Amino acid sequence: MGKDYYKTLGVSPDASYQDIAKQFRGLAITYHPLKNPKNMAQANYKFCEICEAFEVLSTRKQALAFL
């Protein structure tokens, strides 16, 4: 089964690109490894998940905008 990128970012499937980007920015700041020096490995893992989710969803939303 594939990853649920919407759940990773905490947005609904009908969220706009702006909503996805806003949620990504907030989570990226929260889970950035340099902001979490005591739990750097865990923060790095979560940060990478968030970045992957944003990359996939933002590309998908931009592609749908051209249809």
PDB file of N, CA and C in Angstrom:
ATOM      1  N   MET A   1       0.845  -1.184   0.000  1.00  0.00           N
ATOM      2  CA  MET A   1       0.000   0.000   0.000  1.00  0.00           C
ATOM      3  C   MET A   1       0.885   1.239   0.000  1.00  0.00           C
ATOM      4  N   GLY A   2       0.475   2.251  -0.728  1.00  0.00           N
ATOM      5  CA  GLY A   2       1.258   3.471  -0.850  1.00  0.00           C
ATOM      6  C   GLY A   2       1.139   4.371   0.373  1.00  0.00           C
ATOM      7  N   LYS A   3       1.958   5.375   0.386  1.00  0.00           N
ATOM      8  CA  LYS A   3       1.961   6.333   1.492  1.00  0.00           C
ATOM      9  C   LYS A   3       0.792   7.298   1.339  1.00  0.00           C
ATOM     10  N   ASP A   4       0.242   7.711   2.446  1.00  0.00           N
ATOM     11  CA  ASP A   4      -0.832   8.702   2.443  1.00  0.00           C
ATOM     12  C   ASP A   4      -0.201  10.066   2.709  1.00  0.00           C
ATOM     13  N   TYR A   5       0.138  10.759   1.625  1.00  0.00           N
ATOM     14  CA  TYR A   5       0.825  12.040   1.746  1.00  0.00           C
ATOM     15  C   TYR A   5      -0.087  13.112   2.350  1.00  0.00           C
ATOM     16  N   TYR A   6      -1.367  13.002   2.112  1.00  0.00           N
ATOM     17  CA  TYR A   6      -2.295  13.963   2.698  1.00  0.00           C
ATOM     18  C   TYR A   6      -2.285  13.835   4.225  1.00  0.00           C
ATOM     19  N   LYS A   7      -2.258  12.594   4.710  1.00  0.00           N
ATOM     20  CA  LYS A   7      -2.211  12.356   6.149  1.00  0.00           C
ATOM     21  C   LYS A   7      -0.883  12.837   6.726  1.00  0.00           C
ATOM     22  N   THR A   8       0.209  12.624   5.998  1.00  0.00           N
ATOM     23  CA  THR A   8       1.525  13.056   6.461  1.00  0.00           C
ATOM     24  C   THR A   8       1.543  14.561   6.713  1.00  0.00           C
ATOM     25  N   LEU A   9       0.926  15.315   5.798  1.00  0.00           N
ATOM     26  CA  LEU A   9       0.898  16.773   5.955  1.00  0.00           C
ATOM     27  C   LEU A   9      -0.296  17.263   6.770  1.00  0.00           C
ATOM     28  N   GLY A  10      -1.256  16.384   6.981  1.00  0.00           N
ATOM     29  CA  GLY A  10      -2.426  16.778   7.762  1.00  0.00           C
ATOM     30  C   GLY A  10      -3.372  17.686   7.002  1.00  0.00           C
ATOM     31  N   VAL A  11      -3.536  17.418   5.699  1.00  0.00           N
ATOM     32  CA  VAL A  11      -4.466  18.193   4.869  1.00  0.00           C
ATOM     33  C   VAL A  11      -5.455  17.237   4.217  1.00  0.00           C
ATOM     34  N   SER A  12      -6.563  17.774   3.768  1.00  0.00           N
ATOM     35  CA  SER A  12      -7.564  16.955   3.094  1.00  0.00           C
ATOM     36  C   SER A  12      -7.200  16.799   1.612  1.00  0.00           C
ATOM     37  N   PRO A  13      -7.713  15.763   0.960  1.00  0.00           N
ATOM     38  CA  PRO A  13      -7.411  15.550  -0.460  1.00  0.00           C
ATOM     39  C   PRO A  13      -7.863  16.686  -1.377  1.00  0.00           C
ATOM     40  N   ASP A  14      -8.809  17.483  -0.933  1.00  0.00           N
ATOM     41  CA  ASP A  14      -9.256  18.602  -1.769  1.00  0.00           C
ATOM     42  C   ASP A  14      -8.582  19.923  -1.386  1.00  0.00           C
ATOM     43  N   ALA A  15      -7.507  19.846  -0.615  1.00  0.00           N
ATOM     44  CA  ALA A  15      -6.776  21.048  -0.199  1.00  0.00           C
ATOM     45  C   ALA A  15      -6.137  21.729  -1.407  1.00  0.00           C
ATOM     46  N   SER A  16      -6.087  23.033  -1.373  1.00  0.00           N
ATOM     47  CA  SER A  16      -5.466  23.800  -2.452  1.00  0.00           C
ATOM     48  C   SER A  16      -3.944  23.764  -2.312  1.00  0.00           C
ATOM     49  N   TYR A  17      -3.266  24.173  -3.364  1.00  0.00           N
ATOM     50  CA  TYR A  17      -1.806  24.242  -3.310  1.00  0.00           C
ATOM     51  C   TYR A  17      -1.362  25.167  -2.187  1.00  0.00           C
ATOM     52  N   GLN A  18      -2.050  26.276  -1.992  1.00  0.00           N
ATOM     53  CA  GLN A  18      -1.697  27.228  -0.942  1.00  0.00           C
ATOM     54  C   GLN A  18      -1.839  26.594   0.445  1.00  0.00           C
ATOM     55  N   ASP A  19      -2.894  25.813   0.646  1.00  0.00           N
ATOM     56  CA  ASP A  19      -3.090  25.133   1.925  1.00  0.00           C
ATOM     57  C   ASP A  19      -1.992  24.100   2.170  1.00  0.00           C
ATOM     58  N   ILE A  20      -1.628  23.368   1.143  1.00  0.00           N
ATOM     59  CA  ILE A  20      -0.573  22.358   1.249  1.00  0.00           C
ATOM     60  C   ILE A  20       0.756  23.034   1.575  1.00  0.00           C
ATOM     61  N   ALA A  21       1.059  24.119   0.883  1.00  0.00           N
ATOM     62  CA  ALA A  21       2.322  24.829   1.102  1.00  0.00           C
ATOM     63  C   ALA A  21       2.377  25.424   2.510  1.00  0.00           C
ATOM     64  N   LYS A  22       1.285  25.979   2.980  1.00  0.00           N
ATOM     65  CA  LYS A  22       1.248  26.570   4.315  1.00  0.00           C
ATOM     66  C   LYS A  22       1.474  25.500   5.385  1.00  0.00           C
ATOM     67  N   GLN A  23       0.804  24.376   5.231  1.00  0.00           N
ATOM     68  CA  GLN A  23       0.968  23.287   6.190  1.00  0.00           C
ATOM     69  C   GLN A  23       2.395  22.738   6.152  1.00  0.00           C
ATOM     70  N   PHE A  24       2.953  22.620   4.955  1.00  0.00           N
ATOM     71  CA  PHE A  24       4.334  22.139   4.814  1.00  0.00           C
ATOM     72  C   PHE A  24       5.306  23.062   5.538  1.00  0.00           C
ATOM     73  N   ARG A  25       5.168  24.363   5.329  1.00  0.00           N
ATOM     74  CA  ARG A  25       6.089  25.306   5.965  1.00  0.00           C
ATOM     75  C   ARG A  25       6.052  25.189   7.488  1.00  0.00           C
ATOM     76  N   GLY A  26       4.860  25.089   8.031  1.00  0.00           N
ATOM     77  CA  GLY A  26       4.736  24.963   9.484  1.00  0.00           C
ATOM     78  C   GLY A  26       5.371  23.685  10.014  1.00  0.00           C
ATOM     79  N   LEU A  27       5.111  22.563   9.336  1.00  0.00           N
ATOM     80  CA  LEU A  27       5.680  21.292   9.771  1.00  0.00           C
ATOM     81  C   LEU A  27       7.192  21.250   9.557  1.00  0.00           C
ATOM     82  N   ALA A  28       7.658  21.853   8.474  1.00  0.00           N
ATOM     83  CA  ALA A  28       9.096  21.865   8.192  1.00  0.00           C
ATOM     84  C   ALA A  28       9.855  22.628   9.274  1.00  0.00           C
ATOM     85  N   ILE A  29       9.293  23.702   9.744  1.00  0.00           N
ATOM     86  CA  ILE A  29       9.928  24.461  10.823  1.00  0.00           C
ATOM     87  C   ILE A  29       9.910  23.643  12.108  1.00  0.00           C
ATOM     88  N   THR A  30       8.795  23.014  12.395  1.00  0.00           N
ATOM     89  CA  THR A  30       8.657  22.225  13.623  1.00  0.00           C
ATOM     90  C   THR A  30       9.615  21.041  13.654  1.00  0.00           C
ATOM     91  N   TYR A  31       9.741  20.340  12.530  1.00  0.00           N
ATOM     92  CA  TYR A  31      10.522  19.107  12.509  1.00  0.00           C
ATOM     93  C   TYR A  31      11.906  19.241  11.886  1.00  0.00           C
ATOM     94  N   HIS A  32      12.354  20.450  11.626  1.00  0.00           N
ATOM     95  CA  HIS A  32      13.688  20.608  11.047  1.00  0.00           C
ATOM     96  C   HIS A  32      14.721  20.056  12.029  1.00  0.00           C
ATOM     97  N   PRO A  33      15.654  19.247  11.535  1.00  0.00           N
ATOM     98  CA  PRO A  33      16.642  18.629  12.434  1.00  0.00           C
ATOM     99  C   PRO A  33      17.443  19.629  13.266  1.00  0.00           C
ATOM    100  N   LEU A  34      17.740  20.772  12.736  1.00  0.00           N
ATOM    101  CA  LEU A  34      18.508  21.757  13.497  1.00  0.00           C
ATOM    102  C   LEU A  34      17.687  22.397  14.613  1.00  0.00           C
ATOM    103  N   LYS A  35      16.379  22.319  14.508  1.00  0.00           N
ATOM    104  CA  LYS A  35      15.499  22.826  15.566  1.00  0.00           C
ATOM    105  C   LYS A  35      15.291  21.781  16.661  1.00  0.00           C
ATOM    106  N   ASN A  36      15.715  20.538  16.399  1.00  0.00           N
ATOM    107  CA  ASN A  36      15.525  19.437  17.330  1.00  0.00           C
ATOM    108  C   ASN A  36      16.839  18.703  17.582  1.00  0.00           C
ATOM    109  N   PRO A  37      17.818  19.372  18.176  1.00  0.00           N
ATOM    110  CA  PRO A  37      19.131  18.735  18.347  1.00  0.00           C
ATOM    111  C   PRO A  37      19.114  17.516  19.273  1.00  0.00           C
ATOM    112  N   LYS A  38      18.160  17.441  20.195  1.00  0.00           N
ATOM    113  CA  LYS A  38      18.101  16.297  21.109  1.00  0.00           C
ATOM    114  C   LYS A  38      17.528  15.053  20.435  1.00  0.00           C
ATOM    115  N   ASN A  39      16.695  15.242  19.438  1.00  0.00           N
ATOM    116  CA  ASN A  39      16.079  14.132  18.699  1.00  0.00           C
ATOM    117  C   ASN A  39      16.358  14.288  17.211  1.00  0.00           C
ATOM    118  N   MET A  40      17.600  14.545  16.859  1.00  0.00           N
ATOM    119  CA  MET A  40      17.938  14.870  15.479  1.00  0.00           C
ATOM    120  C   MET A  40      17.591  13.745  14.502  1.00  0.00           C
ATOM    121  N   ALA A  41      17.846  12.500  14.861  1.00  0.00           N
ATOM    122  CA  ALA A  41      17.569  11.378  13.949  1.00  0.00           C
ATOM    123  C   ALA A  41      16.072  11.259  13.677  1.00  0.00           C
ATOM    124  N   GLN A  42      15.273  11.340  14.722  1.00  0.00           N
ATOM    125  CA  GLN A  42      13.820  11.252  14.565  1.00  0.00           C
ATOM    126  C   GLN A  42      13.287  12.461  13.788  1.00  0.00           C
ATOM    127  N   ALA A  43      13.787  13.640  14.098  1.00  0.00           N
ATOM    128  CA  ALA A  43      13.358  14.850  13.402  1.00  0.00           C
ATOM    129  C   ALA A  43      13.746  14.789  11.932  1.00  0.00           C
ATOM    130  N   ASN A  44      14.934  14.266  11.642  1.00  0.00           N
ATOM    131  CA  ASN A  44      15.379  14.149  10.260  1.00  0.00           C
ATOM    132  C   ASN A  44      14.468  13.212   9.480  1.00  0.00           C
ATOM    133  N   TYR A  45      14.082  12.096  10.089  1.00  0.00           N
ATOM    134  CA  TYR A  45      13.175  11.141   9.429  1.00  0.00           C
ATOM    135  C   TYR A  45      11.833  11.805   9.120  1.00  0.00           C
ATOM    136  N   LYS A  46      11.266  12.477  10.118  1.00  0.00           N
ATOM    137  CA  LYS A  46       9.972  13.147   9.936  1.00  0.00           C
ATOM    138  C   LYS A  46      10.087  14.273   8.907  1.00  0.00           C
ATOM    139  N   PHE A  47      11.184  15.018   8.951  1.00  0.00           N
ATOM    140  CA  PHE A  47      11.405  16.109   8.006  1.00  0.00           C
ATOM    141  C   PHE A  47      11.458  15.570   6.578  1.00  0.00           C
ATOM    142  N   CYS A  48      12.141  14.454   6.390  1.00  0.00           N
ATOM    143  CA  CYS A  48      12.222  13.852   5.049  1.00  0.00           C
ATOM    144  C   CYS A  48      10.858  13.372   4.570  1.00  0.00           C
ATOM    145  N   GLU A  49      10.054  12.806   5.466  1.00  0.00           N
ATOM    146  CA  GLU A  49       8.696  12.397   5.109  1.00  0.00           C
ATOM    147  C   GLU A  49       7.864  13.600   4.667  1.00  0.00           C
ATOM    148  N   ILE A  50       7.975  14.687   5.410  1.00  0.00           N
ATOM    149  CA  ILE A  50       7.214  15.903   5.105  1.00  0.00           C
ATOM    150  C   ILE A  50       7.638  16.471   3.752  1.00  0.00           C
ATOM    151  N   CYS A  51       8.940  16.499   3.495  1.00  0.00           N
ATOM    152  CA  CYS A  51       9.442  17.017   2.221  1.00  0.00           C
ATOM    153  C   CYS A  51       8.976  16.163   1.050  1.00  0.00           C
ATOM    154  N   GLU A  52       9.010  14.844   1.224  1.00  0.00           N
ATOM    155  CA  GLU A  52       8.543  13.946   0.166  1.00  0.00           C
ATOM    156  C   GLU A  52       7.059  14.166  -0.115  1.00  0.00           C
ATOM    157  N   ALA A  53       6.272  14.265   0.948  1.00  0.00           N
ATOM    158  CA  ALA A  53       4.836  14.484   0.787  1.00  0.00           C
ATOM    159  C   ALA A  53       4.566  15.799   0.063  1.00  0.00           C
ATOM    160  N   PHE A  54       5.261  16.841   0.442  1.00  0.00           N
ATOM    161  CA  PHE A  54       5.057  18.138  -0.209  1.00  0.00           C
ATOM    162  C   PHE A  54       5.456  18.085  -1.677  1.00  0.00           C
ATOM    163  N   GLU A  55       6.568  17.442  -1.966  1.00  0.00           N
ATOM    164  CA  GLU A  55       7.024  17.351  -3.352  1.00  0.00           C
ATOM    165  C   GLU A  55       5.991  16.629  -4.220  1.00  0.00           C
ATOM    166  N   VAL A  56       5.476  15.523  -3.736  1.00  0.00           N
ATOM    167  CA  VAL A  56       4.496  14.753  -4.503  1.00  0.00           C
ATOM    168  C   VAL A  56       3.194  15.530  -4.656  1.00  0.00           C
ATOM    169  N   LEU A  57       2.670  16.045  -3.555  1.00  0.00           N
ATOM    170  CA  LEU A  57       1.372  16.719  -3.614  1.00  0.00           C
ATOM    171  C   LEU A  57       1.432  18.039  -4.371  1.00  0.00           C
ATOM    172  N   SER A  58       2.501  18.785  -4.217  1.00  0.00           N
ATOM    173  CA  SER A  58       2.583  20.063  -4.929  1.00  0.00           C
ATOM    174  C   SER A  58       2.739  19.832  -6.425  1.00  0.00           C
ATOM    175  N   THR A  59       3.475  18.820  -6.811  1.00  0.00           N
ATOM    176  CA  THR A  59       3.610  18.489  -8.234  1.00  0.00           C
ATOM    177  C   THR A  59       2.272  18.046  -8.796  1.00  0.00           C
ATOM    178  N   ARG A  60       1.561  17.239  -8.022  1.00  0.00           N
ATOM    179  CA  ARG A  60       0.244  16.753  -8.460  1.00  0.00           C
ATOM    180  C   ARG A  60      -0.728  17.915  -8.629  1.00  0.00           C
ATOM    181  N   LYS A  61      -0.753  18.833  -7.672  1.00  0.00           N
ATOM    182  CA  LYS A  61      -1.669  19.985  -7.747  1.00  0.00           C
ATOM    183  C   LYS A  61      -1.322  20.885  -8.927  1.00  0.00           C
ATOM    184  N   GLN A  62      -0.038  21.096  -9.171  1.00  0.00           N
ATOM    185  CA  GLN A  62       0.387  21.933 -10.296  1.00  0.00           C
ATOM    186  C   GLN A  62       0.032  21.272 -11.615  1.00  0.00           C
ATOM    187  N   ALA A  63       0.168  19.953 -11.692  1.00  0.00           N
ATOM    188  CA  ALA A  63      -0.175  19.239 -12.915  1.00  0.00           C
ATOM    189  C   ALA A  63      -1.661  19.317 -13.185  1.00  0.00           C
ATOM    190  N   LEU A  64      -2.479  19.209 -12.132  1.00  0.00           N
ATOM    191  CA  LEU A  64      -3.925  19.287 -12.300  1.00  0.00           C
ATOM    192  C   LEU A  64      -4.361  20.684 -12.723  1.00  0.00           C
ATOM    193  N   ALA A  65      -3.591  21.687 -12.375  1.00  0.00           N
ATOM    194  CA  ALA A  65      -3.943  23.053 -12.748  1.00  0.00           C
ATOM    195  C   ALA A  65      -3.866  23.254 -14.263  1.00  0.00           C
ATOM    196  N   PHE A  66      -3.067  22.438 -14.940  1.00  0.00           N
ATOM    197  CA  PHE A  66      -2.918  22.572 -16.382  1.00  0.00           C
ATOM    198  C   PHE A  66      -4.012  21.834 -17.152  1.00  0.00           C
ATOM    199  N   LEU A  67      -4.772  20.984 -16.490  1.00  0.00           N
ATOM    200  CA  LEU A  67      -5.822  20.226 -17.183  1.00  0.00           C
ATOM    201  C   LEU A  67      -7.049  21.026 -17.392  1.00  0.00           C
TER     202      LEU A  67
END
